[in-house]
Protein backbone atom coordinates (compact mmCIF):
# COMPACT_ATOMS: atom_id res chain seq x y z
CA UNK A 1 -13.83 -30.67 39.46
CA UNK A 2 -16.73 -28.44 40.56
CA UNK A 3 -19.17 -26.94 38.10
CA UNK A 4 -17.75 -23.47 38.81
CA UNK A 5 -14.21 -24.70 38.21
CA UNK A 6 -15.30 -26.28 34.93
CA UNK A 7 -16.85 -23.00 33.76
CA UNK A 8 -13.73 -20.99 34.61
CA UNK A 9 -11.47 -23.57 33.01
CA UNK A 10 -13.57 -23.55 29.85
CA UNK A 11 -13.50 -19.76 29.72
CA UNK A 12 -9.74 -19.74 30.27
CA UNK A 13 -9.27 -22.06 27.28
CA UNK A 14 -11.86 -20.38 25.06
CA UNK A 15 -10.60 -16.81 25.54
CA UNK A 16 -7.20 -17.28 23.85
CA UNK A 17 -8.77 -19.39 21.11
CA UNK A 18 -11.23 -16.57 20.40
CA UNK A 19 -8.40 -14.05 20.36
CA UNK A 20 -6.38 -16.22 18.00
CA UNK A 21 -9.35 -16.61 15.69
CA UNK A 22 -9.70 -12.82 15.54
CA UNK A 23 -6.02 -12.51 14.66
CA UNK A 24 -6.43 -15.16 11.98
CA UNK A 25 -9.39 -13.24 10.55
CA UNK A 26 -7.34 -10.06 10.24
CA UNK A 27 -4.67 -12.07 8.43
CA UNK A 28 -7.02 -12.48 5.49
CA UNK A 29 -5.93 -9.03 4.27
CA UNK A 30 -3.04 -8.98 1.83
CA UNK A 31 -1.23 -5.94 0.41
CA UNK A 32 -0.58 -2.90 -1.79
CA UNK A 33 2.40 -0.68 -2.68
CA UNK A 34 3.40 1.93 -0.12
CA UNK A 35 6.45 3.14 -2.05
CA UNK A 36 5.87 4.42 -4.66
CA UNK A 37 2.63 5.05 -2.81
CA UNK A 38 -0.49 3.55 -4.37
CA UNK A 39 -3.76 5.44 -4.52
CA UNK A 40 -5.54 2.98 -2.28
CA UNK A 41 -2.92 3.20 0.47
CA UNK A 42 -2.39 6.97 0.18
CA UNK A 43 -6.12 7.52 0.70
CA UNK A 44 -6.46 5.01 3.56
CA UNK A 45 -6.77 6.17 7.20
CA UNK A 46 -3.08 5.38 7.76
CA UNK A 47 -1.82 6.63 4.40
CA UNK A 48 -1.51 10.29 5.35
CA UNK A 49 -3.24 11.76 2.27
CA UNK A 50 -6.94 11.13 2.99
CA UNK A 51 -7.50 14.89 3.39
CA UNK A 52 -6.35 15.73 -0.15
CA UNK A 53 -8.98 16.72 -2.69
CA UNK A 54 -8.32 13.62 -4.82
CA UNK A 55 -8.66 11.23 -1.89
CA UNK A 56 -11.79 12.94 -0.59
CA UNK A 57 -13.36 12.54 -4.02
CA UNK A 58 -12.28 8.89 -4.22
CA UNK A 59 -13.69 8.12 -0.77
CA UNK A 60 -16.99 9.79 -1.64
CA UNK A 61 -17.27 7.93 -4.95
CA UNK A 62 -16.40 4.56 -3.37
CA UNK A 63 -18.52 4.93 -0.26
CA UNK A 64 -15.65 3.77 1.98
CA UNK A 65 -12.52 5.20 3.56
CA UNK A 66 -10.20 2.46 2.21
CA UNK A 67 -9.55 0.86 5.57
CA UNK A 68 -9.26 -2.31 3.47
CA UNK A 69 -6.40 -0.82 1.45
CA UNK A 70 -4.80 -4.28 1.21
CA UNK A 71 -7.79 -6.13 -0.18
CA UNK A 72 -8.11 -4.87 -3.76
CA UNK A 73 -8.13 -8.28 -5.42
CA UNK A 74 -10.01 -10.12 -8.15
CA UNK A 75 -10.37 -13.91 -8.21
CA UNK A 76 -10.07 -16.15 -11.25
CA UNK A 77 -8.31 -13.75 -13.63
CA UNK A 78 -5.49 -16.25 -14.27
CA UNK A 79 -3.36 -13.87 -16.34
CA UNK A 80 -6.23 -12.60 -18.51
CA UNK A 81 -5.93 -9.09 -17.09
CA UNK A 82 -6.66 -7.20 -20.31
CA UNK A 83 -9.68 -9.37 -21.03
CA UNK A 84 -11.19 -9.27 -17.53
CA UNK A 85 -10.44 -5.70 -16.35
CA UNK A 86 -12.06 -3.12 -18.67
CA UNK A 87 -10.48 0.17 -19.78
CA UNK A 88 -11.04 2.96 -17.30
CA UNK A 89 -11.29 0.46 -14.40
CA UNK A 90 -7.64 -0.53 -14.06
CA UNK A 91 -7.05 1.15 -10.69
CA UNK A 92 -10.15 -0.35 -9.06
CA UNK A 93 -9.86 -3.77 -10.65
CA UNK A 94 -13.47 -3.13 -11.69
CA UNK A 95 -14.54 -3.54 -8.04
CA UNK A 96 -17.41 -1.19 -7.08
CA UNK A 97 -16.03 -0.65 -3.55
CA UNK A 98 -12.88 0.88 -5.07
CA UNK A 99 -14.43 2.76 -8.01
CA UNK A 100 -13.20 6.11 -6.73
CA UNK A 101 -9.62 5.10 -7.49
CA UNK A 102 -10.42 5.31 -11.20
CA UNK A 103 -11.23 9.04 -11.07
CA UNK A 104 -9.35 10.86 -13.83
CA UNK A 105 -7.60 13.84 -12.27
CA UNK A 106 -4.08 15.26 -12.11
CA UNK A 107 -3.83 15.95 -8.37
CA UNK A 108 -3.46 12.45 -6.91
CA UNK A 109 -0.70 12.09 -4.29
CA UNK A 110 2.38 11.05 -6.26
CA UNK A 111 6.01 9.99 -5.89
CA UNK A 112 8.93 11.71 -7.63
CA UNK A 113 11.05 9.42 -9.76
CA UNK A 114 13.84 9.84 -12.29
CA UNK A 115 13.68 8.16 -15.72
CA UNK A 116 16.26 5.43 -16.12
CA UNK A 117 16.91 5.37 -12.37
CA UNK A 118 16.88 2.36 -10.06
CA UNK A 119 13.67 2.23 -8.05
CA UNK A 120 13.02 0.08 -5.00
CA UNK A 121 9.36 -0.77 -4.52
CA UNK A 122 7.92 -1.62 -1.12
CA UNK A 123 4.77 -3.68 -1.43
CA UNK A 124 3.36 -3.89 2.11
CA UNK A 125 1.62 -7.16 2.91
CA UNK A 126 -0.10 -8.68 5.93
CA UNK A 127 0.17 -12.29 4.75
CA UNK A 128 2.67 -14.00 2.49
CA UNK A 129 1.62 -15.41 -0.88
CA UNK A 130 3.57 -17.05 -3.64
CA UNK A 131 3.16 -15.25 -6.92
CA UNK A 132 4.56 -12.89 -9.53
CA UNK A 133 4.73 -9.09 -9.49
CA UNK A 134 4.62 -7.30 -12.85
CA UNK A 135 5.43 -3.57 -13.11
CA UNK A 136 4.27 -1.36 -15.97
CA UNK A 137 4.86 2.34 -16.65
CA UNK A 138 2.60 4.41 -18.88
CA UNK A 139 3.98 5.56 -22.20
CA UNK A 140 4.95 9.19 -22.76
CA UNK A 141 1.79 11.06 -23.70
CA UNK A 142 -0.30 9.58 -20.87
CA UNK A 143 -2.93 12.10 -19.75
CA UNK A 144 -3.84 11.79 -16.05
CA UNK A 145 -6.98 13.81 -16.69
CA UNK A 146 -8.36 10.89 -18.72
CA UNK A 147 -9.26 7.36 -17.50
CA UNK A 148 -6.35 4.93 -17.64
CA UNK A 149 -6.62 2.38 -20.46
CA UNK A 150 -4.62 -0.70 -21.37
CA UNK A 151 -3.41 0.96 -24.57
CA UNK A 152 -1.42 3.44 -22.47
CA UNK A 153 0.61 0.61 -20.94
CA UNK A 154 3.27 -1.40 -22.79
CA UNK A 155 2.39 -4.97 -23.74
CA UNK A 156 5.16 -6.28 -21.51
CA UNK A 157 6.19 -5.16 -18.00
CA UNK A 158 9.50 -3.37 -17.54
CA UNK A 159 10.19 -5.56 -14.48
CA UNK A 160 8.91 -8.88 -13.14
CA UNK A 161 9.58 -10.61 -9.82
CA UNK A 162 8.58 -14.15 -8.91
CA UNK A 163 8.12 -15.27 -5.30
CA UNK A 164 10.14 -12.55 -3.53
CA UNK A 165 10.49 -13.10 0.25
CA UNK A 166 8.20 -11.29 2.68
CA UNK A 167 10.48 -9.33 5.04
CA UNK A 168 9.67 -6.66 7.62
CA UNK A 169 6.02 -6.59 6.64
CA UNK A 170 6.48 -6.25 2.91
CA UNK A 171 8.00 -7.34 -0.38
CA UNK A 172 10.95 -5.25 -1.57
CA UNK A 173 12.38 -5.37 -5.07
CA UNK A 174 14.55 -3.08 -7.18
CA UNK A 175 14.18 -2.37 -10.88
CA UNK A 176 15.52 0.09 -13.44
CA UNK A 177 12.85 2.48 -14.68
CA UNK A 178 12.29 3.07 -18.39
CA UNK A 179 13.75 6.23 -19.93
CA UNK A 180 12.00 8.91 -21.97
CA UNK A 181 9.37 9.90 -19.40
CA UNK A 182 8.51 13.38 -18.11
CA UNK A 183 5.61 14.77 -16.13
CA UNK A 184 2.93 12.68 -14.46
CA UNK A 185 2.84 8.98 -15.25
CA UNK A 186 1.23 5.86 -13.79
CA UNK A 187 3.18 2.97 -12.29
CA UNK A 188 0.82 0.02 -12.58
CA UNK A 189 1.45 -3.12 -10.55
CA UNK A 190 -0.14 -6.53 -11.01
CA UNK A 191 0.43 -9.21 -8.38
CA UNK A 192 -0.81 -12.55 -9.64
CA UNK A 193 -0.87 -15.11 -6.84
CA UNK A 194 0.05 -18.71 -7.48
CA UNK A 195 -0.90 -19.85 -3.97
CA UNK A 196 -4.45 -18.45 -4.35
CA UNK A 197 -6.74 -17.65 -7.27
CA UNK A 198 -6.43 -13.89 -6.63
CA UNK A 199 -4.80 -11.10 -8.63
CA UNK A 200 -4.12 -7.69 -7.06
CA UNK A 201 -4.09 -4.41 -8.99
CA UNK A 202 -2.65 -1.08 -7.92
CA UNK A 203 -2.06 2.38 -9.35
CA UNK A 204 0.87 4.48 -8.11
CA UNK A 205 0.93 8.04 -9.46
CA UNK A 206 4.49 9.19 -10.16
CA UNK A 207 6.14 12.38 -11.41
CA UNK A 208 9.22 12.66 -13.61
CA UNK A 209 10.48 16.25 -13.40
CA UNK A 210 11.90 17.59 -16.66
CA UNK A 211 15.65 17.32 -17.10
CA UNK A 212 16.21 14.42 -14.70
CA UNK A 213 17.68 11.01 -15.45
CA UNK A 214 19.65 8.23 -13.81
CA UNK A 215 20.48 7.90 -10.11
CA UNK A 216 18.01 6.63 -7.56
CA UNK A 217 14.31 6.98 -8.05
CA UNK A 218 12.82 7.76 -4.65
CA UNK A 219 12.61 11.13 -2.92
CA UNK A 220 10.21 13.99 -2.33
CA UNK A 221 7.57 14.88 0.20
CA UNK A 222 4.01 13.66 0.56
CA UNK A 223 1.18 15.97 1.50
CA UNK A 224 0.00 15.14 5.01
CA UNK A 225 -3.51 15.23 6.42
CA UNK A 226 -4.25 18.76 7.54
CA UNK A 227 -1.37 20.21 5.54
CA UNK A 228 -2.46 19.59 1.97
CA UNK A 229 -1.45 22.09 -0.72
CA UNK A 230 -4.30 23.27 -2.92
CA UNK A 231 -4.44 21.43 -6.26
CA UNK A 232 -4.30 24.77 -8.05
CA UNK A 233 -0.96 25.74 -6.49
CA UNK A 234 1.66 26.31 -9.17
CA UNK A 235 4.54 24.78 -7.22
CA UNK A 236 4.89 22.56 -4.19
CA UNK A 237 7.62 23.02 -1.54
CA UNK A 238 11.11 21.81 -2.36
CA UNK A 239 11.37 18.06 -1.82
CA UNK A 240 12.65 16.67 1.46
CA UNK A 241 13.10 13.10 2.61
CA UNK A 242 10.66 12.08 5.30
CA UNK A 243 9.86 9.07 7.44
CA UNK A 244 6.73 7.39 6.04
CA UNK A 245 3.57 6.49 7.81
CA UNK A 246 3.53 2.70 8.20
CA UNK A 247 0.34 0.85 7.24
CA UNK A 248 -0.55 0.32 10.90
CA UNK A 249 -0.03 3.95 11.92
CA UNK A 250 -2.47 6.87 11.94
CA UNK A 251 -1.87 9.88 9.66
CA UNK A 252 0.30 12.65 11.07
CA UNK A 253 0.42 16.34 10.31
CA UNK A 254 4.18 16.80 10.44
CA UNK A 255 7.18 14.90 9.14
CA UNK A 256 10.67 15.02 10.63
CA UNK A 257 13.32 15.81 8.02
CA UNK A 258 16.17 13.34 7.67
CA UNK A 259 19.35 13.47 5.66
CA UNK A 260 18.81 12.04 2.16
CA UNK A 261 20.61 8.82 1.32
CA UNK A 262 23.30 8.82 -1.38
CA UNK A 263 20.85 7.13 -3.75
CA UNK A 264 18.12 9.73 -3.26
CA UNK A 265 17.45 12.07 -6.14
CA UNK A 266 15.87 15.43 -5.36
CA UNK A 267 14.34 17.12 -8.36
CA UNK A 268 12.54 20.35 -9.20
CA UNK A 269 9.21 20.70 -7.42
CA UNK A 270 6.05 19.90 -9.36
CA UNK A 271 2.43 20.81 -8.75
CA UNK A 272 0.15 18.63 -6.57
CA UNK A 273 1.15 16.49 -3.58
CA UNK A 274 4.23 14.34 -3.98
CA UNK A 275 5.01 11.28 -1.89
CA UNK A 276 7.97 9.46 -0.47
CA UNK A 277 7.05 6.16 1.19
CA UNK A 278 9.73 3.75 2.34
CA UNK A 279 8.81 0.77 4.49
CA UNK A 280 10.39 1.23 7.94
CA UNK A 281 10.19 -2.40 8.97
CA UNK A 282 7.32 -2.26 11.44
CA UNK A 283 4.93 -3.35 8.70
CA UNK A 284 1.26 -4.18 8.81
CA UNK A 285 2.02 -7.56 10.34
CA UNK A 286 2.62 -5.95 13.75
CA UNK A 287 -1.05 -6.20 14.87
CA UNK A 288 -0.98 -9.93 14.18
CA UNK A 289 2.12 -10.36 16.32
CA UNK A 290 0.56 -8.32 19.09
CA UNK A 291 -2.58 -10.44 18.91
CA UNK A 292 -0.53 -13.63 19.20
CA UNK A 293 1.35 -12.30 22.23
CA UNK A 294 -1.90 -11.30 23.88
CA UNK A 295 -3.30 -14.77 23.27
CA UNK A 296 -0.31 -16.36 24.99
CA UNK A 297 -0.75 -14.09 28.01
CA UNK A 298 -4.45 -14.90 28.26
CA UNK A 299 -3.73 -18.62 27.91
CA UNK A 300 -1.11 -18.51 30.69
CA UNK A 301 -3.36 -16.57 33.04
CA UNK A 302 -6.29 -18.89 32.35
CA UNK A 303 -4.25 -22.02 33.06
CA UNK A 304 -2.97 -20.59 36.35
CA UNK A 305 -6.52 -19.68 37.43
CA UNK A 306 -7.83 -23.15 36.56
CA UNK A 307 -5.02 -24.81 38.55
CA UNK A 308 -5.69 -22.65 41.61
CA UNK A 309 -9.42 -23.47 41.57
CA UNK A 310 -8.71 -27.18 41.14
CA UNK A 311 -6.56 -27.19 44.30
CA UNK A 312 -9.39 -25.75 46.44
């Protein structure tokens, strides 16, 4: 083998390995709820609500645009959530890079729900972990204009899911919401890993319009970048079902209307942006799959080139 052939062969082998290592690096990200939409995902570049006043304020306070929407995690908590995470820092997990998510304001992008209804959560994830999801809903009387504290959450979650399968880029689980809620509330999710030492925290703002109960819990429209209603508006447009922005997609300014499913509840419009995020199956794992395919192509091309040079 000539020296030139050796160099080309080495490059042909190294290129796909480098590409695979990059894909493996991106797999270190993990997840957050996209339906009901979490603050961190709503305000991310792909979340579709980064242009809202609440997200702009959160981005400014955090000093980042939440590209790492799936990396809000704290190591070593081991179930001691109320001892480790202080009041007023529940949405950020007390992480400085996410401090803007703790801002107390009543205009965060939110999802319409119905008390006592069945809700299906989509928790988008880029890598599977064993662990338990715990869902909490603030008690009636919660004031979104004040920092969220542990005392506003029940001692026990209203739903808990252990080791659900990762399918189509996310975890999907259905639970019955508590009754007796109206107005803006907070759906708080804790994902305690058992395969790692990490615990993930997320805040999903939700709205329970007055006079609604039962049925399905999802529905509504989310304010899009470039088409954000002013926080002072008294009413938002009537809710419509819309295709969500997947975690790997860029924000769009329009949403195509689709016929609501039989389980979708449409309720009276409420002030501030309202979201409807349902995982469409493409999921944030798509870039990893694309990276793996590219690596295979590079590996094949490199091997063919090395063989041709060896025959000369």
